[in-house]
Amino acid sequence: MNSIHIGTNFLWISFESYILPIELINFVNNSLFLGFIAFIGTAAGVFIGLISGTASDKYTFLWGRRGPYIIIGVILTVFSIFLDEVMKINVFGILIGYIMIQISSNISVGAYQPLFVDFLHKDERGAAAGINGLFILIGSAMGYAVTGYFITVGKTIYGLIVISAVLIFTGILTTGTIKKDDSVIVHSRERLFKIFMDIFNLKKGIKSYIYVVLGSFMVFSGVVGLSFFELYFFKYILNYSNPAYYVSIAGIVVLVVSALASVVFGIFSDRVGRVKMLLFTTLIGSLAMFLIPEFEKFTYFLIFGSMIGISYGIFMSVSKALASDMSPREEAGKFMAYYNIATGGASSISPLIYGLILFFVKSYSLGFKLVFYTAGIFFIMGFLLFLYVKISDQ
């Protein structure tokens, strides 16, 4: 069931950490362009994910409720990956290519985010979210290892072929796994416009759910946007001539500790309470963010990056389990799509903020310090928002 996360995160980390920054690296004001393209593309993807999740609650076709949307998204994503290769002749073409990748992949995301609510009992979701986090991080590690290798040796097209193959394989594996229980429901008589408007109807929601979404958005904003600028950090701050190599090393190290934390604490959260664990981990992440820019050496980057990785791994699995607990079963697609705004929205807005900081400050040394301080503030804001989540709502 979790297999598709390997494929989509393999795709996303490859584009965020390597392909998109490298496509823009020779342009003047590359940080600004990178921020704007990430913002526009990811925002479009998040909106499509919201539509896809709500539609899969209401409409089924072919063999099931979620599976067909997942497969359609995978097929369109593979097409968009190679369309991007053709379009990257200028900034506008890069923008269009990235928008297509985000829209296509988020058709799948909107359909697979509710699977926990569809198929798992509440007391199983912490362990399942931990395993889910592991699969997400395996996909990200593949991005750092496989795509990083092909970028380093100048064979990017081979990396794109591998990404496409993994996407197709994991998409088929996930839909095949859930097919037996992914039953066709009676088609809704509601018109498409009414279903579209229903996206914004949260009358059946839980009061604290909005704090979970907003708090998660803040914490994810403190992490995911940084991956777009990691290559520039190693190039301009640590002065490495082959920054892609060091991005790969750092990424794999951080993801290993993050994956372990995701699995262990995801299972543990079923016993000790998810909100308490989320409050604790946001404080760890904020501390590490404030410390990273004070020590401009690769060794310290690995140490503090690992602290952030542990915080992110725990937060990723436990926050998803909490959101699943609070989602009404009959509207799981819509509610989990709102939770996806926390991750996708953060991937959209935070790189824009970080890109603007680097553009207006001009100095990369001061600019990256402000970027990390801003990320630390995002963590603190997430901590404050989770204080409003009532334990009884779990």
Protein backbone atom coordinates (compact mmCIF):
# COMPACT_ATOMS: atom_id res chain seq x y z
CA MET A 1 0.00 0.00 0.00
CA ASN A 2 2.85 2.40 0.79
CA SER A 3 4.90 1.55 -2.32
CA ILE A 4 3.74 4.54 -4.36
CA HIS A 5 5.44 6.84 -1.83
CA ILE A 6 8.80 5.49 -2.97
CA GLY A 7 8.11 6.51 -6.56
CA THR A 8 6.67 9.96 -5.92
CA ASN A 9 9.33 10.96 -3.39
CA PHE A 10 12.07 9.63 -5.67
CA LEU A 11 10.64 11.99 -8.28
CA TRP A 12 10.22 15.01 -5.99
CA ILE A 13 13.62 14.96 -4.27
CA SER A 14 15.28 14.50 -7.68
CA PHE A 15 13.65 17.63 -9.06
CA GLU A 16 13.88 19.70 -5.86
CA SER A 17 17.52 18.98 -5.01
CA TYR A 18 19.10 18.44 -8.43
CA ILE A 19 17.18 18.81 -11.68
CA LEU A 20 15.33 22.08 -11.13
CA PRO A 21 18.23 23.95 -9.42
CA ILE A 22 20.66 22.76 -12.12
CA GLU A 23 18.28 23.77 -14.92
CA LEU A 24 18.34 27.31 -13.47
CA ILE A 25 21.90 27.56 -12.15
CA ASN A 26 23.28 29.53 -15.12
CA PHE A 27 20.50 32.13 -15.08
CA VAL A 28 21.00 35.50 -13.42
CA ASN A 29 18.88 35.67 -10.22
CA ASN A 30 18.63 31.87 -10.19
CA SER A 31 17.48 31.77 -6.53
CA LEU A 32 14.56 34.08 -7.33
CA PHE A 33 13.52 32.04 -10.38
CA LEU A 34 13.84 28.83 -8.40
CA GLY A 35 11.61 30.17 -5.63
CA PHE A 36 8.92 31.41 -8.01
CA ILE A 37 8.87 28.25 -10.13
CA ALA A 38 8.68 26.05 -7.04
CA PHE A 39 5.86 28.22 -5.66
CA ILE A 40 3.73 28.26 -8.82
CA GLY A 41 4.25 24.61 -9.73
CA THR A 42 3.67 23.20 -6.27
CA ALA A 43 0.65 25.44 -5.62
CA ALA A 44 -0.97 24.14 -8.81
CA GLY A 45 -0.20 20.58 -7.75
CA VAL A 46 -1.68 21.01 -4.26
CA PHE A 47 -4.93 22.39 -5.70
CA ILE A 48 -5.21 19.47 -8.12
CA GLY A 49 -4.53 17.06 -5.23
CA LEU A 50 -7.43 18.59 -3.33
CA ILE A 51 -9.73 18.09 -6.32
CA SER A 52 -8.47 14.53 -6.88
CA GLY A 53 -8.98 13.56 -3.23
CA THR A 54 -12.52 14.94 -3.12
CA ALA A 55 -13.39 13.39 -6.48
CA SER A 56 -12.19 9.96 -5.36
CA ASP A 57 -14.57 10.23 -2.38
CA LYS A 58 -17.51 10.77 -4.74
CA TYR A 59 -16.72 9.21 -8.13
CA THR A 60 -15.34 5.77 -8.96
CA PHE A 61 -14.68 4.27 -12.35
CA LEU A 62 -13.06 1.22 -13.88
CA TRP A 63 -12.07 -1.09 -11.01
CA GLY A 64 -12.17 1.05 -7.86
CA ARG A 65 -12.34 4.18 -5.79
CA ARG A 66 -8.69 5.25 -5.42
CA GLY A 67 -6.65 2.98 -7.70
CA PRO A 68 -7.64 4.43 -11.11
CA TYR A 69 -6.73 7.96 -10.00
CA ILE A 70 -3.32 6.71 -8.81
CA ILE A 71 -2.57 5.00 -12.15
CA ILE A 72 -3.78 7.95 -14.24
CA GLY A 73 -1.55 10.27 -12.19
CA VAL A 74 1.46 7.98 -12.69
CA ILE A 75 0.98 7.79 -16.47
CA LEU A 76 0.64 11.58 -16.80
CA THR A 77 3.67 12.12 -14.54
CA VAL A 78 5.93 9.93 -16.68
CA PHE A 79 4.79 11.85 -19.77
CA SER A 80 5.48 15.17 -17.98
CA ILE A 81 9.00 14.13 -16.92
CA PHE A 82 10.09 13.82 -20.54
CA LEU A 83 8.06 16.85 -21.61
CA ASP A 84 10.15 18.84 -19.12
CA GLU A 85 13.31 17.71 -20.91
CA VAL A 86 11.98 19.24 -24.13
CA MET A 87 10.69 22.43 -22.47
CA LYS A 88 13.80 23.45 -20.52
CA ILE A 89 15.21 25.78 -23.19
CA ASN A 90 14.22 28.88 -21.19
CA VAL A 91 12.71 29.89 -17.83
CA PHE A 92 9.15 29.82 -19.14
CA GLY A 93 9.61 26.31 -20.51
CA ILE A 94 11.10 25.12 -17.21
CA LEU A 95 8.08 26.60 -15.40
CA ILE A 96 5.58 24.82 -17.68
CA GLY A 97 7.42 21.52 -17.35
CA TYR A 98 7.49 21.71 -13.56
CA ILE A 99 3.80 22.67 -13.37
CA MET A 100 2.92 19.60 -15.45
CA ILE A 101 4.96 17.31 -13.20
CA GLN A 102 3.34 18.70 -10.07
CA ILE A 103 -0.21 18.54 -11.43
CA SER A 104 0.20 14.99 -12.70
CA SER A 105 1.85 13.59 -9.58
CA ASN A 106 -0.71 15.23 -7.30
CA ILE A 107 -3.57 13.44 -9.06
CA SER A 108 -2.07 10.31 -7.53
CA VAL A 109 -1.35 12.00 -4.20
CA GLY A 110 -4.95 13.11 -3.72
CA ALA A 111 -6.10 9.51 -4.16
CA TYR A 112 -3.52 7.69 -2.05
CA GLN A 113 -3.44 10.05 0.96
CA PRO A 114 -6.79 8.68 2.33
CA LEU A 115 -5.71 5.01 2.23
CA PHE A 116 -4.92 4.95 5.96
CA VAL A 117 -8.46 6.05 6.79
CA ASP A 118 -9.97 3.67 4.23
CA PHE A 119 -8.19 0.49 5.30
CA LEU A 120 -6.69 0.83 8.81
CA HIS A 121 -8.08 0.98 12.34
CA LYS A 122 -7.08 3.92 14.54
CA ASP A 123 -4.70 1.87 16.71
CA GLU A 124 -2.83 0.67 13.61
CA ARG A 125 -2.16 4.07 12.10
CA GLY A 126 0.87 5.07 14.16
CA ALA A 127 2.80 1.94 13.14
CA ALA A 128 1.54 2.24 9.56
CA ALA A 129 2.53 5.91 9.43
CA GLY A 130 6.00 4.96 10.64
CA ILE A 131 6.32 2.44 7.82
CA ASN A 132 4.86 5.03 5.46
CA GLY A 133 7.54 7.49 6.58
CA LEU A 134 10.19 4.84 5.92
CA PHE A 135 8.93 4.37 2.34
CA ILE A 136 8.86 8.13 1.79
CA LEU A 137 12.44 8.41 2.98
CA ILE A 138 13.56 5.41 0.90
CA GLY A 139 12.21 7.24 -2.15
CA SER A 140 14.05 10.40 -1.12
CA ALA A 141 17.26 8.43 -0.52
CA MET A 142 16.95 6.95 -4.01
CA GLY A 143 16.73 10.50 -5.32
CA TYR A 144 19.95 11.45 -3.55
CA ALA A 145 21.77 8.24 -4.49
CA VAL A 146 20.52 7.39 -7.99
CA THR A 147 19.74 10.83 -9.43
CA GLY A 148 22.76 12.32 -7.64
CA TYR A 149 24.98 9.71 -9.29
CA PHE A 150 23.63 10.24 -12.80
CA ILE A 151 23.85 14.03 -12.40
CA THR A 152 27.48 13.72 -11.25
CA VAL A 153 28.48 11.59 -14.27
CA GLY A 154 26.52 13.75 -16.71
CA LYS A 155 23.83 11.15 -17.59
CA THR A 156 20.68 12.89 -16.35
CA ILE A 157 18.47 11.17 -18.94
CA TYR A 158 19.28 7.76 -17.42
CA GLY A 159 18.15 9.09 -14.06
CA LEU A 160 14.82 10.19 -15.58
CA ILE A 161 14.33 6.72 -17.08
CA VAL A 162 14.93 5.08 -13.69
CA ILE A 163 12.54 7.52 -11.97
CA SER A 164 9.83 6.73 -14.54
CA ALA A 165 10.31 2.97 -14.18
CA VAL A 166 10.11 3.15 -10.39
CA LEU A 167 6.99 5.33 -10.56
CA ILE A 168 5.23 2.86 -12.84
CA PHE A 169 6.26 -0.18 -10.77
CA THR A 170 5.28 1.31 -7.41
CA GLY A 171 2.00 2.68 -8.79
CA ILE A 172 1.02 -0.78 -10.08
CA LEU A 173 2.13 -2.41 -6.82
CA THR A 174 0.04 -0.06 -4.67
CA THR A 175 -3.10 -0.33 -6.80
CA GLY A 176 -2.70 -4.10 -6.98
CA THR A 177 -2.36 -4.33 -3.19
CA ILE A 178 -5.54 -2.34 -2.47
CA LYS A 179 -7.59 -3.61 -5.41
CA LYS A 180 -9.51 -6.25 -3.43
CA ASP A 181 -10.80 -3.70 -0.90
CA ASP A 182 -10.83 -0.68 -3.23
CA SER A 183 -14.44 -1.38 -4.08
CA VAL A 184 -16.55 0.64 -6.50
CA ILE A 185 -19.12 2.79 -4.71
CA VAL A 186 -22.46 3.90 -6.07
CA HIS A 187 -21.88 6.88 -8.31
CA SER A 188 -22.93 10.16 -6.81
CA ARG A 189 -25.77 12.01 -8.56
CA GLU A 190 -24.19 15.31 -7.63
CA ARG A 191 -22.94 17.49 -10.44
CA LEU A 192 -19.25 18.19 -10.85
CA PHE A 193 -19.67 21.83 -9.83
CA LYS A 194 -21.35 20.83 -6.55
CA ILE A 195 -18.57 18.36 -5.81
CA PHE A 196 -16.02 21.08 -6.56
CA MET A 197 -17.72 23.43 -4.11
CA ASP A 198 -17.87 20.64 -1.53
CA ILE A 199 -14.09 20.83 -1.36
CA PHE A 200 -14.50 23.96 0.77
CA ASN A 201 -17.19 22.51 3.05
CA LEU A 202 -15.70 21.35 6.34
CA LYS A 203 -18.93 21.40 8.37
CA LYS A 204 -18.37 17.79 9.35
CA GLY A 205 -14.83 18.54 10.42
CA ILE A 206 -13.21 18.49 13.83
CA LYS A 207 -12.41 21.81 15.44
CA SER A 208 -8.76 21.05 16.11
CA TYR A 209 -8.12 19.74 12.59
CA ILE A 210 -7.34 23.21 11.28
CA TYR A 211 -4.59 23.55 13.90
CA VAL A 212 -3.11 20.22 12.80
CA VAL A 213 -3.03 21.41 9.19
CA LEU A 214 -1.63 24.86 10.00
CA GLY A 215 0.90 23.51 12.51
CA SER A 216 2.07 20.87 10.04
CA PHE A 217 2.30 23.50 7.33
CA MET A 218 4.63 25.58 9.50
CA VAL A 219 6.91 22.68 10.42
CA PHE A 220 7.08 21.34 6.86
CA SER A 221 7.83 24.90 5.65
CA GLY A 222 10.86 24.82 7.90
CA VAL A 223 12.23 21.73 6.14
CA VAL A 224 11.00 21.01 2.63
CA GLY A 225 11.80 24.39 1.07
CA LEU A 226 15.45 24.05 2.05
CA SER A 227 15.99 21.09 -0.29
CA PHE A 228 15.59 23.41 -3.31
CA PHE A 229 18.58 25.50 -2.18
CA GLU A 230 20.82 22.82 -0.68
CA LEU A 231 22.94 22.57 -3.83
CA TYR A 232 23.49 26.35 -3.81
CA PHE A 233 24.48 26.20 -0.11
CA PHE A 234 27.22 23.67 -0.81
CA LYS A 235 28.39 25.60 -3.86
CA TYR A 236 28.42 29.16 -2.52
CA ILE A 237 28.85 28.74 1.27
CA LEU A 238 30.96 25.59 1.66
CA ASN A 239 32.67 26.30 -1.70
CA TYR A 240 32.56 22.77 -3.13
CA SER A 241 33.26 22.50 -6.85
CA ASN A 242 31.03 19.41 -7.13
CA PRO A 243 28.08 20.33 -4.88
CA ALA A 244 25.83 17.56 -6.23
CA TYR A 245 28.15 14.97 -4.69
CA TYR A 246 27.94 16.53 -1.22
CA VAL A 247 24.17 17.00 -1.53
CA SER A 248 23.97 13.23 -2.09
CA ILE A 249 26.19 12.36 0.89
CA ALA A 250 24.38 14.70 3.28
CA GLY A 251 20.97 13.66 1.99
CA ILE A 252 21.58 9.95 2.48
CA VAL A 253 23.04 10.38 5.99
CA VAL A 254 20.17 12.58 7.15
CA LEU A 255 17.55 10.31 5.60
CA VAL A 256 18.92 7.19 7.29
CA VAL A 257 18.46 8.68 10.77
CA SER A 258 15.16 10.21 9.70
CA ALA A 259 13.84 6.83 8.51
CA LEU A 260 14.78 5.12 11.78
CA ALA A 261 13.09 7.87 13.80
CA SER A 262 9.98 7.70 11.61
CA VAL A 263 9.45 3.97 12.15
CA VAL A 264 10.35 3.79 15.85
CA PHE A 265 8.44 6.87 17.01
CA GLY A 266 5.52 6.27 14.67
CA ILE A 267 4.88 2.98 16.47
CA PHE A 268 5.58 4.60 19.85
CA SER A 269 3.00 7.35 19.19
CA ASP A 270 0.18 4.78 19.37
CA ARG A 271 1.01 4.44 23.07
CA VAL A 272 2.16 7.83 24.38
CA GLY A 273 -0.01 10.25 22.41
CA ARG A 274 0.69 11.97 19.13
CA VAL A 275 0.36 15.63 20.14
CA LYS A 276 2.94 15.39 22.94
CA MET A 277 5.41 13.80 20.56
CA LEU A 278 4.83 16.48 17.93
CA LEU A 279 5.39 19.27 20.45
CA PHE A 280 8.70 17.72 21.54
CA THR A 281 10.04 17.13 18.04
CA THR A 282 9.30 20.68 16.82
CA LEU A 283 11.56 22.07 19.56
CA ILE A 284 14.42 19.77 18.50
CA GLY A 285 14.07 20.88 14.90
CA SER A 286 14.01 24.58 15.72
CA LEU A 287 17.18 24.31 17.84
CA ALA A 288 19.08 22.59 15.02
CA MET A 289 17.94 25.19 12.47
CA PHE A 290 19.32 28.04 14.56
CA LEU A 291 22.66 26.25 15.03
CA ILE A 292 23.43 25.19 11.41
CA PRO A 293 24.44 28.64 10.06
CA GLU A 294 26.78 29.26 13.00
CA PHE A 295 29.10 26.41 11.92
CA GLU A 296 29.89 26.56 8.19
CA LYS A 297 31.56 23.17 7.97
CA PHE A 298 30.31 19.97 6.36
CA THR A 299 30.79 17.90 9.55
CA TYR A 300 28.58 20.23 11.58
CA PHE A 301 26.07 20.30 8.76
CA LEU A 302 25.78 16.51 9.05
CA ILE A 303 25.37 16.66 12.85
CA PHE A 304 22.70 19.35 12.93
CA GLY A 305 21.17 18.03 9.72
CA SER A 306 20.74 14.67 11.43
CA MET A 307 18.94 16.39 14.32
CA ILE A 308 16.60 17.97 11.78
CA GLY A 309 16.24 14.60 10.06
CA ILE A 310 15.19 12.94 13.32
CA SER A 311 12.70 15.74 13.99
CA TYR A 312 11.34 15.60 10.44
CA GLY A 313 11.06 11.80 10.40
CA ILE A 314 9.09 11.74 13.66
CA PHE A 315 6.92 14.67 12.65
CA MET A 316 6.14 13.28 9.21
CA SER A 317 4.84 9.92 10.45
CA VAL A 318 3.11 11.09 13.64
CA SER A 319 1.35 14.12 12.10
CA LYS A 320 -0.06 11.96 9.31
CA ALA A 321 -1.33 9.40 11.84
CA LEU A 322 -2.95 12.23 13.83
CA ALA A 323 -4.59 13.70 10.71
CA SER A 324 -5.88 10.23 9.76
CA ASP A 325 -7.34 9.77 13.25
CA MET A 326 -9.26 13.04 12.95
CA SER A 327 -10.58 12.53 9.38
CA PRO A 328 -14.22 11.41 8.95
CA ARG A 329 -14.16 8.07 7.13
CA GLU A 330 -16.77 9.06 4.53
CA GLU A 331 -14.78 12.17 3.54
CA ALA A 332 -11.26 10.86 4.01
CA GLY A 333 -10.15 11.96 0.55
CA LYS A 334 -11.13 15.57 1.14
CA PHE A 335 -9.76 15.81 4.69
CA MET A 336 -6.45 14.13 3.87
CA ALA A 337 -6.18 16.40 0.83
CA TYR A 338 -6.34 19.33 3.25
CA TYR A 339 -3.55 17.71 5.24
CA ASN A 340 -1.64 17.45 1.96
CA ILE A 341 -1.85 21.25 1.80
CA ALA A 342 0.45 21.21 4.82
CA THR A 343 3.14 19.35 2.87
CA GLY A 344 2.44 20.57 -0.65
CA GLY A 345 1.66 24.11 0.43
CA ALA A 346 4.90 24.23 2.39
CA SER A 347 6.77 22.99 -0.70
CA SER A 348 5.16 25.85 -2.60
CA ILE A 349 5.44 28.84 -0.28
CA SER A 350 8.66 28.17 1.66
CA PRO A 351 11.00 28.04 -1.39
CA LEU A 352 9.48 31.32 -2.56
CA ILE A 353 10.22 32.89 0.83
CA TYR A 354 13.76 31.50 0.92
CA GLY A 355 14.37 32.51 -2.70
CA LEU A 356 13.24 36.08 -1.98
CA ILE A 357 15.52 36.26 1.06
CA LEU A 358 18.54 35.19 -0.99
CA PHE A 359 17.60 37.58 -3.82
CA PHE A 360 17.14 40.71 -1.72
CA VAL A 361 20.00 40.12 0.74
CA LYS A 362 22.47 39.58 -2.14
CA SER A 363 25.18 38.15 0.15
CA TYR A 364 24.88 34.35 0.17
CA SER A 365 26.59 34.16 3.58
CA LEU A 366 24.08 36.45 5.31
CA GLY A 367 21.25 35.24 3.11
CA PHE A 368 21.60 31.59 4.11
CA LYS A 369 21.85 32.56 7.78
CA LEU A 370 18.52 34.33 7.48
CA VAL A 371 17.08 31.35 5.61
CA PHE A 372 17.95 28.96 8.44
CA TYR A 373 16.74 31.40 11.11
CA THR A 374 13.45 31.70 9.23
CA ALA A 375 13.17 27.91 9.12
CA GLY A 376 13.71 27.79 12.89
CA ILE A 377 10.93 30.36 13.38
CA PHE A 378 8.61 28.18 11.26
CA PHE A 379 9.25 25.30 13.68
CA ILE A 380 8.43 27.49 16.68
CA MET A 381 5.19 28.67 15.04
CA GLY A 382 4.27 25.03 14.44
CA PHE A 383 4.90 24.30 18.13
CA LEU A 384 2.58 27.14 19.18
CA LEU A 385 -0.21 25.98 16.85
CA PHE A 386 -0.05 22.41 18.14
CA LEU A 387 -0.63 23.72 21.66
CA TYR A 388 -4.22 24.40 20.50
CA VAL A 389 -4.82 20.80 19.43
CA LYS A 390 -6.96 19.17 22.12
CA ILE A 391 -5.83 15.71 23.19
CA SER A 392 -9.48 14.62 23.31
CA ASP A 393 -9.75 15.24 19.56
CA GLN A 394 -7.36 12.42 18.83
